[in-house]
């Protein structure tokens, strides 16, 4: 059964590429797709193609961080949409997440 919220999570080299919306309706699917792909020493998570987010995306990021730490993988979050950065600030988790310095928060 589909919810009509098309998205994908793929790995290319040392980069996890997230595409499409991350919303309450599909966050569990996106989160699990990321969890199974997290590994290696370092992984850059690219949000360039994310089209829409809500507060559930912040929980997903924290879960991905926990998963990476458990697997000994260093994450770096890049190209986050501005509204996701705003939610990260609102929930006061800026210091917990490995945000890319090239995109100041």
PDB file of N, CA and C in Angstrom:
ATOM      1  N   UNK A   1       0.845  -1.180   0.000  1.00  0.00           N
ATOM      2  CA  UNK A   1       0.000   0.000   0.000  1.00  0.00           C
ATOM      3  C   UNK A   1       0.887   1.238   0.000  1.00  0.00           C
ATOM      4  N   UNK A   2       0.552   2.186  -0.805  1.00  0.00           N
ATOM      5  CA  UNK A   2       1.358   3.403  -0.901  1.00  0.00           C
ATOM      6  C   UNK A   2       0.575   4.591  -0.365  1.00  0.00           C
ATOM      7  N   UNK A   3       1.287   5.549   0.179  1.00  0.00           N
ATOM      8  CA  UNK A   3       0.642   6.747   0.705  1.00  0.00           C
ATOM      9  C   UNK A   3       0.728   7.906  -0.279  1.00  0.00           C
ATOM     10  N   UNK A   4       1.278   7.656  -1.466  1.00  0.00           N
ATOM     11  CA  UNK A   4       1.396   8.699  -2.467  1.00  0.00           C
ATOM     12  C   UNK A   4       2.558   9.641  -2.245  1.00  0.00           C
ATOM     13  N   UNK A   5       3.367   9.385  -1.236  1.00  0.00           N
ATOM     14  CA  UNK A   5       4.510  10.240  -0.938  1.00  0.00           C
ATOM     15  C   UNK A   5       5.766   9.545  -1.437  1.00  0.00           C
ATOM     16  N   UNK A   6       6.097   9.781  -2.683  1.00  0.00           N
ATOM     17  CA  UNK A   6       7.232   9.115  -3.312  1.00  0.00           C
ATOM     18  C   UNK A   6       8.542   9.690  -2.791  1.00  0.00           C
ATOM     19  N   UNK A   7       9.444   8.803  -2.422  1.00  0.00           N
ATOM     20  CA  UNK A   7      10.765   9.223  -1.979  1.00  0.00           C
ATOM     21  C   UNK A   7      11.720   8.061  -2.144  1.00  0.00           C
ATOM     22  N   UNK A   8      12.996   8.358  -1.978  1.00  0.00           N
ATOM     23  CA  UNK A   8      13.996   7.300  -2.041  1.00  0.00           C
ATOM     24  C   UNK A   8      15.180   7.676  -1.168  1.00  0.00           C
ATOM     25  N   UNK A   9      15.885   6.638  -0.753  1.00  0.00           N
ATOM     26  CA  UNK A   9      17.131   6.795  -0.017  1.00  0.00           C
ATOM     27  C   UNK A   9      18.109   5.856  -0.696  1.00  0.00           C
ATOM     28  N   UNK A  10      19.193   6.416  -1.226  1.00  0.00           N
ATOM     29  CA  UNK A  10      20.165   5.592  -1.944  1.00  0.00           C
ATOM     30  C   UNK A  10      21.575   5.945  -1.496  1.00  0.00           C
ATOM     31  N   UNK A  11      22.498   5.039  -1.798  1.00  0.00           N
ATOM     32  CA  UNK A  11      23.897   5.256  -1.450  1.00  0.00           C
ATOM     33  C   UNK A  11      24.712   5.309  -2.727  1.00  0.00           C
ATOM     34  N   UNK A  12      25.561   6.326  -2.827  1.00  0.00           N
ATOM     35  CA  UNK A  12      26.518   6.451  -3.920  1.00  0.00           C
ATOM     36  C   UNK A  12      27.849   6.836  -3.285  1.00  0.00           C
ATOM     37  N   UNK A  13      28.839   5.975  -3.448  1.00  0.00           N
ATOM     38  CA  UNK A  13      30.140   6.166  -2.802  1.00  0.00           C
ATOM     39  C   UNK A  13      29.927   6.277  -1.291  1.00  0.00           C
ATOM     40  N   UNK A  14      30.379   7.352  -0.683  1.00  0.00           N
ATOM     41  CA  UNK A  14      30.208   7.562   0.758  1.00  0.00           C
ATOM     42  C   UNK A  14      29.119   8.588   1.025  1.00  0.00           C
ATOM     43  N   UNK A  15      28.074   8.554   0.209  1.00  0.00           N
ATOM     44  CA  UNK A  15      27.007   9.537   0.329  1.00  0.00           C
ATOM     45  C   UNK A  15      25.645   8.840   0.351  1.00  0.00           C
ATOM     46  N   UNK A  16      24.833   9.205   1.328  1.00  0.00           N
ATOM     47  CA  UNK A  16      23.451   8.759   1.418  1.00  0.00           C
ATOM     48  C   UNK A  16      22.608   9.888   0.843  1.00  0.00           C
ATOM     49  N   UNK A  17      21.854   9.599  -0.198  1.00  0.00           N
ATOM     50  CA  UNK A  17      21.086  10.627  -0.901  1.00  0.00           C
ATOM     51  C   UNK A  17      19.604  10.432  -0.591  1.00  0.00           C
ATOM     52  N   UNK A  18      19.001  11.466  -0.033  1.00  0.00           N
ATOM     53  CA  UNK A  18      17.589  11.427   0.333  1.00  0.00           C
ATOM     54  C   UNK A  18      16.819  12.259  -0.688  1.00  0.00           C
ATOM     55  N   UNK A  19      15.720  11.698  -1.184  1.00  0.00           N
ATOM     56  CA  UNK A  19      14.954  12.332  -2.255  1.00  0.00           C
ATOM     57  C   UNK A  19      13.469  12.301  -1.907  1.00  0.00           C
ATOM     58  N   UNK A  20      12.789  13.427  -2.077  1.00  0.00           N
ATOM     59  CA  UNK A  20      11.349  13.482  -1.841  1.00  0.00           C
ATOM     60  C   UNK A  20      10.999  14.026  -0.470  1.00  0.00           C
ATOM     61  N   UNK A  21       9.729  13.894  -0.073  1.00  0.00           N
ATOM     62  CA  UNK A  21       9.278  14.442   1.208  1.00  0.00           C
ATOM     63  C   UNK A  21       9.639  13.548   2.388  1.00  0.00           C
ATOM     64  N   UNK A  22       9.810  14.172   3.545  1.00  0.00           N
ATOM     65  CA  UNK A  22       9.968  13.450   4.817  1.00  0.00           C
ATOM     66  C   UNK A  22       8.895  14.009   5.744  1.00  0.00           C
ATOM     67  N   UNK A  23       7.801  13.280   5.820  1.00  0.00           N
ATOM     68  CA  UNK A  23       6.630  13.726   6.567  1.00  0.00           C
ATOM     69  C   UNK A  23       6.148  12.622   7.498  1.00  0.00           C
ATOM     70  N   UNK A  24       5.294  12.981   8.434  1.00  0.00           N
ATOM     71  CA  UNK A  24       4.761  12.011   9.384  1.00  0.00           C
ATOM     72  C   UNK A  24       4.231  10.766   8.673  1.00  0.00           C
ATOM     73  N   UNK A  25       3.594  10.961   7.516  1.00  0.00           N
ATOM     74  CA  UNK A  25       2.978   9.849   6.794  1.00  0.00           C
ATOM     75  C   UNK A  25       3.981   8.844   6.239  1.00  0.00           C
ATOM     76  N   UNK A  26       5.219   9.262   6.008  1.00  0.00           N
ATOM     77  CA  UNK A  26       6.187   8.341   5.394  1.00  0.00           C
ATOM     78  C   UNK A  26       7.518   8.262   6.136  1.00  0.00           C
ATOM     79  N   UNK A  27       7.644   8.913   7.266  1.00  0.00           N
ATOM     80  CA  UNK A  27       8.943   9.001   7.942  1.00  0.00           C
ATOM     81  C   UNK A  27       9.473   7.636   8.365  1.00  0.00           C
ATOM     82  N   UNK A  28       8.613   6.729   8.771  1.00  0.00           N
ATOM     83  CA  UNK A  28       9.102   5.409   9.194  1.00  0.00           C
ATOM     84  C   UNK A  28       9.764   4.680   8.026  1.00  0.00           C
ATOM     85  N   UNK A  29       9.175   4.772   6.858  1.00  0.00           N
ATOM     86  CA  UNK A  29       9.752   4.134   5.673  1.00  0.00           C
ATOM     87  C   UNK A  29      11.100   4.764   5.317  1.00  0.00           C
ATOM     88  N   UNK A  30      11.161   6.092   5.333  1.00  0.00           N
ATOM     89  CA  UNK A  30      12.412   6.787   5.012  1.00  0.00           C
ATOM     90  C   UNK A  30      13.469   6.470   6.065  1.00  0.00           C
ATOM     91  N   UNK A  31      13.071   6.485   7.335  1.00  0.00           N
ATOM     92  CA  UNK A  31      14.020   6.216   8.415  1.00  0.00           C
ATOM     93  C   UNK A  31      14.611   4.815   8.279  1.00  0.00           C
ATOM     94  N   UNK A  32      13.768   3.811   8.061  1.00  0.00           N
ATOM     95  CA  UNK A  32      14.261   2.440   7.927  1.00  0.00           C
ATOM     96  C   UNK A  32      15.154   2.279   6.703  1.00  0.00           C
ATOM     97  N   UNK A  33      14.804   2.945   5.609  1.00  0.00           N
ATOM     98  CA  UNK A  33      15.638   2.881   4.406  1.00  0.00           C
ATOM     99  C   UNK A  33      17.027   3.444   4.690  1.00  0.00           C
ATOM    100  N   UNK A  34      17.103   4.490   5.495  1.00  0.00           N
ATOM    101  CA  UNK A  34      18.395   5.056   5.865  1.00  0.00           C
ATOM    102  C   UNK A  34      19.156   4.176   6.837  1.00  0.00           C
ATOM    103  N   UNK A  35      18.451   3.636   7.831  1.00  0.00           N
ATOM    104  CA  UNK A  35      19.096   2.803   8.857  1.00  0.00           C
ATOM    105  C   UNK A  35      19.833   1.629   8.222  1.00  0.00           C
ATOM    106  N   UNK A  36      19.205   0.960   7.263  1.00  0.00           N
ATOM    107  CA  UNK A  36      19.845  -0.216   6.659  1.00  0.00           C
ATOM    108  C   UNK A  36      21.015   0.157   5.751  1.00  0.00           C
ATOM    109  N   UNK A  37      21.098   1.419   5.349  1.00  0.00           N
ATOM    110  CA  UNK A  37      22.175   1.852   4.456  1.00  0.00           C
ATOM    111  C   UNK A  37      23.330   2.545   5.182  1.00  0.00           C
ATOM    112  N   UNK A  38      23.154   2.842   6.448  1.00  0.00           N
ATOM    113  CA  UNK A  38      24.212   3.510   7.206  1.00  0.00           C
ATOM    114  C   UNK A  38      25.300   2.503   7.539  1.00  0.00           C
ATOM    115  N   UNK A  39      26.532   2.862   7.212  1.00  0.00           N
ATOM    116  CA  UNK A  39      27.662   1.990   7.497  1.00  0.00           C
ATOM    117  C   UNK A  39      28.947   2.607   6.991  1.00  0.00           C
ATOM    118  N   UNK A  40      30.028   1.890   7.174  1.00  0.00           N
ATOM    119  CA  UNK A  40      31.328   2.417   6.782  1.00  0.00           C
ATOM    120  C   UNK A  40      31.871   3.345   7.850  1.00  0.00           C
ATOM    121  N   UNK A  41      32.972   3.986   7.530  1.00  0.00           N
ATOM    122  CA  UNK A  41      33.598   4.904   8.492  1.00  0.00           C
ATOM    123  C   UNK A  41      32.953   6.272   8.491  1.00  0.00           C
ATOM    124  N   UNK A  42      32.629   6.761   7.299  1.00  0.00           N
ATOM    125  CA  UNK A  42      32.044   8.100   7.167  1.00  0.00           C
ATOM    126  C   UNK A  42      30.942   8.064   6.125  1.00  0.00           C
ATOM    127  N   UNK A  43      29.930   8.863   6.372  1.00  0.00           N
ATOM    128  CA  UNK A  43      28.825   8.930   5.435  1.00  0.00           C
ATOM    129  C   UNK A  43      28.275  10.346   5.434  1.00  0.00           C
ATOM    130  N   UNK A  44      28.210  10.927   4.259  1.00  0.00           N
ATOM    131  CA  UNK A  44      27.605  12.238   4.089  1.00  0.00           C
ATOM    132  C   UNK A  44      26.148  12.012   3.691  1.00  0.00           C
ATOM    133  N   UNK A  45      25.233  12.641   4.401  1.00  0.00           N
ATOM    134  CA  UNK A  45      23.808  12.513   4.101  1.00  0.00           C
ATOM    135  C   UNK A  45      23.371  13.793   3.398  1.00  0.00           C
ATOM    136  N   UNK A  46      22.973  13.656   2.135  1.00  0.00           N
ATOM    137  CA  UNK A  46      22.656  14.803   1.281  1.00  0.00           C
ATOM    138  C   UNK A  46      21.143  14.974   1.147  1.00  0.00           C
ATOM    139  N   UNK A  47      20.658  16.151   1.522  1.00  0.00           N
ATOM    140  CA  UNK A  47      19.233  16.466   1.489  1.00  0.00           C
ATOM    141  C   UNK A  47      18.868  17.406   0.336  1.00  0.00           C
ATOM    142  N   UNK A  48      19.728  17.523  -0.662  1.00  0.00           N
ATOM    143  CA  UNK A  48      19.487  18.435  -1.780  1.00  0.00           C
ATOM    144  C   UNK A  48      18.121  18.220  -2.419  1.00  0.00           C
ATOM    145  N   UNK A  49      17.707  16.970  -2.552  1.00  0.00           N
ATOM    146  CA  UNK A  49      16.481  16.650  -3.287  1.00  0.00           C
ATOM    147  C   UNK A  49      15.272  16.409  -2.385  1.00  0.00           C
ATOM    148  N   UNK A  50      15.380  16.801  -1.122  1.00  0.00           N
ATOM    149  CA  UNK A  50      14.230  16.690  -0.221  1.00  0.00           C
ATOM    150  C   UNK A  50      13.267  17.828  -0.552  1.00  0.00           C
ATOM    151  N   UNK A  51      12.008  17.475  -0.753  1.00  0.00           N
ATOM    152  CA  UNK A  51      11.029  18.450  -1.228  1.00  0.00           C
ATOM    153  C   UNK A  51      10.177  19.075  -0.132  1.00  0.00           C
ATOM    154  N   UNK A  52      10.016  18.369   0.991  1.00  0.00           N
ATOM    155  CA  UNK A  52       9.141  18.856   2.058  1.00  0.00           C
ATOM    156  C   UNK A  52       9.487  18.105   3.341  1.00  0.00           C
ATOM    157  N   UNK A  53       9.399  18.791   4.482  1.00  0.00           N
ATOM    158  CA  UNK A  53       9.645  18.134   5.771  1.00  0.00           C
ATOM    159  C   UNK A  53       8.647  18.633   6.805  1.00  0.00           C
ATOM    160  N   UNK A  54       8.486  17.832   7.853  1.00  0.00           N
ATOM    161  CA  UNK A  54       7.788  18.292   9.048  1.00  0.00           C
ATOM    162  C   UNK A  54       8.632  17.867  10.251  1.00  0.00           C
ATOM    163  N   UNK A  55       8.112  18.041  11.442  1.00  0.00           N
ATOM    164  CA  UNK A  55       8.914  17.795  12.640  1.00  0.00           C
ATOM    165  C   UNK A  55       9.365  16.345  12.777  1.00  0.00           C
ATOM    166  N   UNK A  56       8.698  15.421  12.119  1.00  0.00           N
ATOM    167  CA  UNK A  56       9.113  14.018  12.201  1.00  0.00           C
ATOM    168  C   UNK A  56      10.506  13.806  11.608  1.00  0.00           C
ATOM    169  N   UNK A  57      10.927  14.673  10.705  1.00  0.00           N
ATOM    170  CA  UNK A  57      12.263  14.562  10.105  1.00  0.00           C
ATOM    171  C   UNK A  57      13.359  14.741  11.155  1.00  0.00           C
ATOM    172  N   UNK A  58      13.114  15.555  12.167  1.00  0.00           N
ATOM    173  CA  UNK A  58      14.105  15.758  13.228  1.00  0.00           C
ATOM    174  C   UNK A  58      14.309  14.460  14.005  1.00  0.00           C
ATOM    175  N   UNK A  59      13.234  13.778  14.329  1.00  0.00           N
ATOM    176  CA  UNK A  59      13.343  12.482  15.014  1.00  0.00           C
ATOM    177  C   UNK A  59      14.103  11.481  14.160  1.00  0.00           C
ATOM    178  N   UNK A  60      13.846  11.491  12.863  1.00  0.00           N
ATOM    179  CA  UNK A  60      14.547  10.597  11.950  1.00  0.00           C
ATOM    180  C   UNK A  60      16.050  10.864  11.975  1.00  0.00           C
ATOM    181  N   UNK A  61      16.438  12.128  11.966  1.00  0.00           N
ATOM    182  CA  UNK A  61      17.860  12.474  12.001  1.00  0.00           C
ATOM    183  C   UNK A  61      18.518  11.967  13.279  1.00  0.00           C
ATOM    184  N   UNK A  62      17.828  12.108  14.395  1.00  0.00           N
ATOM    185  CA  UNK A  62      18.380  11.627  15.665  1.00  0.00           C
ATOM    186  C   UNK A  62      18.531  10.106  15.654  1.00  0.00           C
ATOM    187  N   UNK A  63      17.582   9.409  15.065  1.00  0.00           N
ATOM    188  CA  UNK A  63      17.684   7.950  14.967  1.00  0.00           C
ATOM    189  C   UNK A  63      18.838   7.553  14.050  1.00  0.00           C
ATOM    190  N   UNK A  64      19.003   8.249  12.934  1.00  0.00           N
ATOM    191  CA  UNK A  64      20.129   7.961  12.043  1.00  0.00           C
ATOM    192  C   UNK A  64      21.451   8.203  12.762  1.00  0.00           C
ATOM    193  N   UNK A  65      21.518   9.252  13.575  1.00  0.00           N
ATOM    194  CA  UNK A  65      22.736   9.534  14.329  1.00  0.00           C
ATOM    195  C   UNK A  65      23.023   8.410  15.326  1.00  0.00           C
ATOM    196  N   UNK A  66      22.007   7.956  16.054  1.00  0.00           N
ATOM    197  CA  UNK A  66      22.182   6.841  16.993  1.00  0.00           C
ATOM    198  C   UNK A  66      22.657   5.585  16.265  1.00  0.00           C
ATOM    199  N   UNK A  67      22.063   5.307  15.123  1.00  0.00           N
ATOM    200  CA  UNK A  67      22.448   4.133  14.339  1.00  0.00           C
ATOM    201  C   UNK A  67      23.897   4.239  13.888  1.00  0.00           C
ATOM    202  N   UNK A  68      24.274   5.404  13.380  1.00  0.00           N
ATOM    203  CA  UNK A  68      25.651   5.608  12.911  1.00  0.00           C
ATOM    204  C   UNK A  68      26.640   5.433  14.058  1.00  0.00           C
ATOM    205  N   UNK A  69      26.337   6.005  15.207  1.00  0.00           N
ATOM    206  CA  UNK A  69      27.232   5.872  16.357  1.00  0.00           C
ATOM    207  C   UNK A  69      27.380   4.414  16.765  1.00  0.00           C
ATOM    208  N   UNK A  70      26.291   3.664  16.747  1.00  0.00           N
ATOM    209  CA  UNK A  70      26.340   2.245  17.111  1.00  0.00           C
ATOM    210  C   UNK A  70      27.174   1.436  16.121  1.00  0.00           C
ATOM    211  N   UNK A  71      27.209   1.876  14.858  1.00  0.00           N
ATOM    212  CA  UNK A  71      27.963   1.170  13.819  1.00  0.00           C
ATOM    213  C   UNK A  71      29.371   1.740  13.630  1.00  0.00           C
ATOM    214  N   UNK A  72      29.733   2.742  14.429  1.00  0.00           N
ATOM    215  CA  UNK A  72      31.051   3.355  14.302  1.00  0.00           C
ATOM    216  C   UNK A  72      31.210   4.181  13.043  1.00  0.00           C
ATOM    217  N   UNK A  73      30.116   4.748  12.577  1.00  0.00           N
ATOM    218  CA  UNK A  73      30.111   5.544  11.345  1.00  0.00           C
ATOM    219  C   UNK A  73      29.937   7.020  11.703  1.00  0.00           C
ATOM    220  N   UNK A  74      30.736   7.876  11.079  1.00  0.00           N
ATOM    221  CA  UNK A  74      30.636   9.314  11.308  1.00  0.00           C
ATOM    222  C   UNK A  74      29.733   9.918  10.235  1.00  0.00           C
ATOM    223  N   UNK A  75      28.624  10.522  10.651  1.00  0.00           N
ATOM    224  CA  UNK A  75      27.694  11.163   9.719  1.00  0.00           C
ATOM    225  C   UNK A  75      28.016  12.637   9.569  1.00  0.00           C
ATOM    226  N   UNK A  76      27.687  13.164   8.408  1.00  0.00           N
ATOM    227  CA  UNK A  76      27.720  14.606   8.173  1.00  0.00           C
ATOM    228  C   UNK A  76      26.481  14.934   7.357  1.00  0.00           C
ATOM    229  N   UNK A  77      25.657  15.843   7.848  1.00  0.00           N
ATOM    230  CA  UNK A  77      24.406  16.217   7.200  1.00  0.00           C
ATOM    231  C   UNK A  77      24.635  17.454   6.345  1.00  0.00           C
ATOM    232  N   UNK A  78      24.332  17.354   5.051  1.00  0.00           N
ATOM    233  CA  UNK A  78      24.595  18.464   4.135  1.00  0.00           C
ATOM    234  C   UNK A  78      23.340  18.839   3.347  1.00  0.00           C
ATOM    235  N   UNK A  79      23.311  20.084   2.935  1.00  0.00           N
ATOM    236  CA  UNK A  79      22.253  20.618   2.071  1.00  0.00           C
ATOM    237  C   UNK A  79      20.856  20.446   2.665  1.00  0.00           C
ATOM    238  N   UNK A  80      20.742  20.700   3.966  1.00  0.00           N
ATOM    239  CA  UNK A  80      19.435  20.605   4.611  1.00  0.00           C
ATOM    240  C   UNK A  80      18.556  21.764   4.166  1.00  0.00           C
ATOM    241  N   UNK A  81      17.277  21.497   3.904  1.00  0.00           N
ATOM    242  CA  UNK A  81      16.363  22.595   3.581  1.00  0.00           C
ATOM    243  C   UNK A  81      16.268  23.561   4.763  1.00  0.00           C
ATOM    244  N   UNK A  82      16.034  24.803   4.469  1.00  0.00           N
ATOM    245  CA  UNK A  82      15.983  25.819   5.522  1.00  0.00           C
ATOM    246  C   UNK A  82      14.907  25.508   6.562  1.00  0.00           C
ATOM    247  N   UNK A  83      13.766  24.972   6.125  1.00  0.00           N
ATOM    248  CA  UNK A  83      12.717  24.671   7.108  1.00  0.00           C
ATOM    249  C   UNK A  83      13.130  23.540   8.048  1.00  0.00           C
ATOM    250  N   UNK A  84      13.952  22.609   7.590  1.00  0.00           N
ATOM    251  CA  UNK A  84      14.461  21.566   8.482  1.00  0.00           C
ATOM    252  C   UNK A  84      15.467  22.157   9.466  1.00  0.00           C
ATOM    253  N   UNK A  85      16.304  23.062   8.999  1.00  0.00           N
ATOM    254  CA  UNK A  85      17.238  23.756   9.899  1.00  0.00           C
ATOM    255  C   UNK A  85      16.465  24.530  10.975  1.00  0.00           C
ATOM    256  N   UNK A  86      15.368  25.154  10.578  1.00  0.00           N
ATOM    257  CA  UNK A  86      14.545  25.897  11.546  1.00  0.00           C
ATOM    258  C   UNK A  86      13.952  24.967  12.598  1.00  0.00           C
ATOM    259  N   UNK A  87      13.493  23.795  12.176  1.00  0.00           N
ATOM    260  CA  UNK A  87      12.950  22.825  13.131  1.00  0.00           C
ATOM    261  C   UNK A  87      14.032  22.319  14.079  1.00  0.00           C
ATOM    262  N   UNK A  88      15.227  22.101  13.560  1.00  0.00           N
ATOM    263  CA  UNK A  88      16.350  21.650  14.391  1.00  0.00           C
ATOM    264  C   UNK A  88      16.654  22.693  15.468  1.00  0.00           C
ATOM    265  N   UNK A  89      16.607  23.974  15.087  1.00  0.00           N
ATOM    266  CA  UNK A  89      16.810  25.051  16.068  1.00  0.00           C
ATOM    267  C   UNK A  89      15.662  25.092  17.070  1.00  0.00           C
ATOM    268  N   UNK A  90      14.432  24.992  16.572  1.00  0.00           N
ATOM    269  CA  UNK A  90      13.251  25.050  17.430  1.00  0.00           C
ATOM    270  C   UNK A  90      13.293  23.978  18.514  1.00  0.00           C
ATOM    271  N   UNK A  91      13.715  22.771  18.145  1.00  0.00           N
ATOM    272  CA  UNK A  91      13.777  21.671  19.108  1.00  0.00           C
ATOM    273  C   UNK A  91      15.101  21.625  19.854  1.00  0.00           C
ATOM    274  N   UNK A  92      15.947  22.616  19.635  1.00  0.00           N
ATOM    275  CA  UNK A  92      17.198  22.794  20.375  1.00  0.00           C
ATOM    276  C   UNK A  92      18.105  21.560  20.316  1.00  0.00           C
ATOM    277  N   UNK A  93      18.265  21.015  19.092  1.00  0.00           N
ATOM    278  CA  UNK A  93      19.146  19.858  18.911  1.00  0.00           C
ATOM    279  C   UNK A  93      20.299  20.171  17.952  1.00  0.00           C
ATOM    280  N   UNK A  94      20.548  21.448  17.717  1.00  0.00           N
ATOM    281  CA  UNK A  94      21.634  21.855  16.817  1.00  0.00           C
ATOM    282  C   UNK A  94      22.956  21.235  17.242  1.00  0.00           C
ATOM    283  N   UNK A  95      23.236  21.268  18.540  1.00  0.00           N
ATOM    284  CA  UNK A  95      24.519  20.759  19.033  1.00  0.00           C
ATOM    285  C   UNK A  95      24.622  19.236  18.992  1.00  0.00           C
ATOM    286  N   UNK A  96      23.514  18.553  18.824  1.00  0.00           N
ATOM    287  CA  UNK A  96      23.529  17.090  18.773  1.00  0.00           C
ATOM    288  C   UNK A  96      23.792  16.551  17.373  1.00  0.00           C
ATOM    289  N   UNK A  97      23.467  17.341  16.369  1.00  0.00           N
ATOM    290  CA  UNK A  97      23.525  16.858  14.991  1.00  0.00           C
ATOM    291  C   UNK A  97      24.764  17.361  14.259  1.00  0.00           C
ATOM    292  N   UNK A  98      25.377  16.508  13.443  1.00  0.00           N
ATOM    293  CA  UNK A  98      26.584  16.888  12.696  1.00  0.00           C
ATOM    294  C   UNK A  98      26.238  17.657  11.423  1.00  0.00           C
ATOM    295  N   UNK A  99      25.854  18.912  11.597  1.00  0.00           N
ATOM    296  CA  UNK A  99      25.468  19.746  10.465  1.00  0.00           C
ATOM    297  C   UNK A  99      26.697  20.239   9.727  1.00  0.00           C
ATOM    298  N   UNK A 100      26.579  20.320   8.415  1.00  0.00           N
ATOM    299  CA  UNK A 100      27.669  20.799   7.579  1.00  0.00           C
ATOM    300  C   UNK A 100      27.876  22.289   7.816  1.00  0.00           C
ATOM    301  N   UNK A 101      29.117  22.673   8.092  1.00  0.00           N
ATOM    302  CA  UNK A 101      29.446  24.080   8.354  1.00  0.00           C
ATOM    303  C   UNK A 101      29.263  24.973   7.137  1.00  0.00           C
ATOM    304  N   UNK A 102      29.236  24.394   5.946  1.00  0.00           N
ATOM    305  CA  UNK A 102      29.065  25.207   4.739  1.00  0.00           C
ATOM    306  C   UNK A 102      27.664  25.776   4.644  1.00  0.00           C
ATOM    307  N   UNK A 103      26.732  25.212   5.414  1.00  0.00           N
ATOM    308  CA  UNK A 103      25.359  25.705   5.450  1.00  0.00           C
ATOM    309  C   UNK A 103      25.079  26.214   6.858  1.00  0.00           C
ATOM    310  N   UNK A 104      25.497  27.438   7.192  1.00  0.00           N
ATOM    311  CA  UNK A 104      25.375  27.918   8.568  1.00  0.00           C
ATOM    312  C   UNK A 104      23.935  27.890   9.059  1.00  0.00           C
ATOM    313  N   UNK A 105      23.776  27.523  10.340  1.00  0.00           N
ATOM    314  CA  UNK A 105      22.418  27.452  10.897  1.00  0.00           C
ATOM    315  C   UNK A 105      22.053  28.681  11.672  1.00  0.00           C
TER     316      UNK A 105
END
